[in-house]
Amino acid sequence: MLKVGLTGGIGCGKTTVANLFAEKGVPVIDADLISHQLVEPGRSAFQAIVEHFGEGVLRDGRLNRRLLKEKVFSRTEERQWLENLLHPLIYQEMQRQMEAFSAPYCLLVVPLLLETKRRDFVDRLLVVDCPTEVQRQRIRVRDGLDDKSIDLILATQLSRAQRLMLADDVVENIYELGELRLQIDRLHHRYLGHLLAP
């Protein structure tokens, strides 16, 4: 089974693209979804986070994800601590889920695939791209963040140019949904045929 890694900067539209592949019956594994499951109350990662950051990161017995995000993006060592805890668990669970699939290819949605230096985890790298100002505007609208918070997040990710340089395939997410579907259709046929040339 061909493993296609879907990545891109925050706000580039990875979820929209992944959903279009899922509509075609492509198995999709989302690292963010796994991450959310790993930090549910009662899970070992949840306990480790509370022990490390204190109960101040909780709201109604669950992680206050927004507060935790603020803590880790403002302090590099705390972000690295959290990544060192969660990333091995995320990749382990993705591998477990992949083994249950029987399909020509699957899509692995991993926002920090390149930043975690796990390019070798996938066969092809699909980057969802949009201009930086479009990206920033989407983050403002979706997450309600100010420019300083956006800058902190973007500083932890590879630049747009770096991602594009490493990509095998690119989806330009700046068009209407119909044009986006056409791009997905082309890639879907390529992946079904396992055509590994760009």
Protein backbone atom coordinates (compact mmCIF):
# COMPACT_ATOMS: atom_id res chain seq x y z
CA MET A 1 0.00 0.00 0.00
CA LEU A 2 1.30 3.41 -1.00
CA LYS A 3 1.62 5.76 1.98
CA VAL A 4 0.95 9.39 1.05
CA GLY A 5 1.90 11.92 3.71
CA LEU A 6 -0.24 15.04 3.63
CA THR A 7 1.28 18.08 5.30
CA GLY A 8 1.31 21.86 5.10
CA GLY A 9 1.48 24.92 7.30
CA ILE A 10 -1.23 25.82 9.77
CA GLY A 11 -4.23 27.31 8.01
CA CYS A 12 -3.35 25.95 4.56
CA GLY A 13 -6.41 23.69 4.42
CA LYS A 14 -5.10 20.20 5.16
CA THR A 15 -8.43 19.06 6.62
CA THR A 16 -10.39 20.23 3.58
CA VAL A 17 -8.05 18.33 1.25
CA ALA A 18 -8.07 15.21 3.44
CA ASN A 19 -11.89 15.24 3.48
CA LEU A 20 -11.97 15.33 -0.33
CA PHE A 21 -9.76 12.23 -0.47
CA ALA A 22 -11.94 10.54 2.18
CA GLU A 23 -15.02 11.18 0.00
CA LYS A 24 -13.36 8.92 -2.58
CA GLY A 25 -13.09 6.12 -0.03
CA VAL A 26 -9.38 6.65 0.63
CA PRO A 27 -8.38 5.57 4.16
CA VAL A 28 -7.28 8.67 6.06
CA ILE A 29 -5.32 8.71 9.32
CA ASP A 30 -5.12 12.10 11.03
CA ALA A 31 -2.26 12.72 13.47
CA ASP A 32 -4.15 15.60 15.13
CA LEU A 33 -7.14 13.36 15.82
CA ILE A 34 -4.85 10.72 17.34
CA SER A 35 -3.16 13.43 19.41
CA HIS A 36 -6.54 14.51 20.82
CA GLN A 37 -7.36 10.90 21.71
CA LEU A 38 -4.00 10.40 23.43
CA VAL A 39 -4.64 13.27 25.85
CA GLU A 40 -8.11 12.21 26.94
CA PRO A 41 -8.51 11.87 30.74
CA GLY A 42 -7.27 8.50 31.95
CA ARG A 43 -4.67 8.10 29.20
CA SER A 44 -1.02 7.95 30.22
CA ALA A 45 -0.11 11.02 28.14
CA PHE A 46 -2.85 13.02 29.89
CA GLN A 47 -1.40 12.08 33.28
CA ALA A 48 2.13 12.99 32.19
CA ILE A 49 1.02 16.40 30.92
CA VAL A 50 -0.84 17.24 34.14
CA GLU A 51 2.14 16.15 36.23
CA HIS A 52 4.48 18.28 34.11
CA PHE A 53 2.42 21.47 33.70
CA GLY A 54 0.21 21.26 36.78
CA GLU A 55 -3.57 21.22 37.13
CA GLY A 56 -3.73 24.79 35.84
CA VAL A 57 -3.88 23.36 32.30
CA LEU A 58 -7.20 21.66 33.09
CA ARG A 59 -10.74 22.91 32.63
CA ASP A 60 -13.58 20.75 33.92
CA GLY A 61 -11.21 17.82 34.29
CA ARG A 62 -9.99 17.95 30.69
CA LEU A 63 -7.02 19.61 29.05
CA ASN A 64 -7.53 23.25 28.20
CA ARG A 65 -5.91 22.90 24.80
CA ARG A 66 -5.81 26.63 24.09
CA LEU A 67 -3.98 27.36 27.36
CA LEU A 68 -1.59 24.47 26.79
CA LYS A 69 -0.89 25.75 23.28
CA GLU A 70 -0.08 29.20 24.65
CA LYS A 71 2.35 27.67 27.16
CA VAL A 72 4.23 25.51 24.68
CA PHE A 73 4.46 27.98 21.81
CA SER A 74 5.93 30.67 24.02
CA ARG A 75 8.63 28.38 25.46
CA THR A 76 10.68 26.20 23.13
CA GLU A 77 11.76 23.73 25.82
CA GLU A 78 8.15 23.09 26.85
CA ARG A 79 7.08 22.54 23.24
CA GLN A 80 9.94 20.08 22.77
CA TRP A 81 8.97 18.26 25.96
CA LEU A 82 5.40 17.85 24.74
CA GLU A 83 6.51 16.76 21.27
CA ASN A 84 8.91 14.20 22.75
CA LEU A 85 6.01 12.77 24.74
CA LEU A 86 3.37 12.68 22.02
CA HIS A 87 5.09 12.17 18.67
CA PRO A 88 6.37 8.61 19.27
CA LEU A 89 2.90 7.62 20.51
CA ILE A 90 1.24 9.24 17.48
CA TYR A 91 3.46 7.46 14.95
CA GLN A 92 3.02 4.16 16.78
CA GLU A 93 -0.78 4.49 16.60
CA MET A 94 -0.66 5.53 12.93
CA GLN A 95 1.36 2.42 12.14
CA ARG A 96 -1.12 0.26 14.04
CA GLN A 97 -4.07 1.71 12.11
CA MET A 98 -2.32 1.34 8.74
CA GLU A 99 -1.83 -2.37 9.31
CA ALA A 100 -5.62 -2.81 9.37
CA PHE A 101 -6.10 -1.28 5.91
CA SER A 102 -6.32 -3.02 2.57
CA ALA A 103 -6.29 -0.33 -0.11
CA PRO A 104 -4.13 0.85 -3.03
CA TYR A 105 -3.04 3.81 -0.93
CA CYS A 106 -3.76 5.64 2.30
CA LEU A 107 -3.44 9.27 3.33
CA LEU A 108 -1.52 10.16 6.49
CA VAL A 109 -2.31 13.70 7.64
CA VAL A 110 0.70 14.86 9.67
CA PRO A 111 1.05 18.63 10.12
CA LEU A 112 4.59 18.36 11.51
CA LEU A 113 5.80 15.47 9.35
CA LEU A 114 8.83 17.41 8.10
CA GLU A 115 9.51 19.22 11.36
CA THR A 116 9.66 15.89 13.20
CA LYS A 117 12.06 14.58 10.53
CA ARG A 118 9.80 11.65 9.67
CA ARG A 119 9.74 12.01 5.89
CA ASP A 120 10.82 8.37 5.76
CA PHE A 121 7.48 7.37 7.33
CA VAL A 122 5.70 7.94 3.98
CA ASP A 123 6.33 7.04 0.33
CA ARG A 124 5.18 10.35 -1.17
CA LEU A 125 4.90 13.81 0.28
CA LEU A 126 1.81 15.84 -0.60
CA VAL A 127 1.98 19.49 0.48
CA VAL A 128 -1.13 21.66 0.77
CA ASP A 129 -0.03 25.18 -0.08
CA CYS A 130 -1.36 28.72 -0.10
CA PRO A 131 0.23 32.19 0.04
CA THR A 132 1.44 33.18 3.51
CA GLU A 133 -0.97 36.12 3.82
CA VAL A 134 -3.91 33.86 2.95
CA GLN A 135 -2.66 31.41 5.57
CA ARG A 136 -2.41 34.14 8.21
CA GLN A 137 -5.90 35.45 7.43
CA ARG A 138 -7.40 31.97 7.75
CA ILE A 139 -5.72 31.49 11.15
CA ARG A 140 -7.05 34.85 12.37
CA VAL A 141 -10.60 33.99 11.34
CA ARG A 142 -10.58 30.35 12.44
CA ASP A 143 -8.64 30.56 15.71
CA GLY A 144 -9.11 34.20 16.67
CA LEU A 145 -5.36 34.64 17.20
CA ASP A 146 -3.46 37.91 17.07
CA ASP A 147 -0.40 38.48 14.88
CA LYS A 148 2.06 37.77 17.71
CA SER A 149 0.49 34.37 18.44
CA ILE A 150 0.43 33.54 14.73
CA ASP A 151 4.12 34.50 14.44
CA LEU A 152 5.00 32.16 17.33
CA ILE A 153 3.25 29.23 15.67
CA LEU A 154 4.68 29.90 12.21
CA ALA A 155 8.18 30.14 13.69
CA THR A 156 7.93 26.48 14.78
CA GLN A 157 7.13 25.29 11.24
CA LEU A 158 9.20 25.05 8.11
CA SER A 159 8.82 27.95 5.71
CA ARG A 160 6.54 27.70 2.70
CA ALA A 161 9.59 27.56 0.40
CA GLN A 162 11.15 24.71 2.39
CA ARG A 163 7.97 22.62 2.26
CA LEU A 164 7.53 23.17 -1.48
CA MET A 165 11.14 22.21 -2.13
CA LEU A 166 10.61 18.86 -0.37
CA ALA A 167 7.18 18.09 -1.88
CA ASP A 168 6.53 15.29 -4.35
CA ASP A 169 3.06 16.68 -5.07
CA VAL A 170 1.38 20.01 -4.30
CA VAL A 171 -2.27 21.00 -3.90
CA GLU A 172 -2.79 24.74 -4.30
CA ASN A 173 -5.60 25.60 -1.92
CA ILE A 174 -6.47 29.07 -3.15
CA TYR A 175 -9.26 28.19 -5.57
CA GLU A 176 -12.97 27.45 -5.39
CA LEU A 177 -13.97 23.97 -4.22
CA GLY A 178 -14.55 22.78 -7.79
CA GLU A 179 -10.95 23.51 -8.81
CA LEU A 180 -9.70 21.90 -5.60
CA ARG A 181 -11.68 18.75 -6.47
CA LEU A 182 -10.03 18.64 -9.91
CA GLN A 183 -6.58 18.69 -8.30
CA ILE A 184 -7.61 15.88 -5.92
CA ASP A 185 -9.03 13.86 -8.83
CA ARG A 186 -5.72 14.05 -10.70
CA LEU A 187 -3.71 13.01 -7.65
CA HIS A 188 -6.16 10.23 -6.79
CA HIS A 189 -5.73 8.63 -10.22
CA ARG A 190 -1.96 8.95 -9.95
CA TYR A 191 -1.87 7.32 -6.52
CA LEU A 192 -4.24 4.54 -7.60
CA GLY A 193 -1.74 3.71 -10.34
CA HIS A 194 1.19 4.06 -7.94
CA LEU A 195 2.86 6.33 -10.48
CA LEU A 196 5.80 7.42 -8.38
CA ALA A 197 7.11 9.97 -10.84
CA PRO A 198 5.92 13.56 -10.22
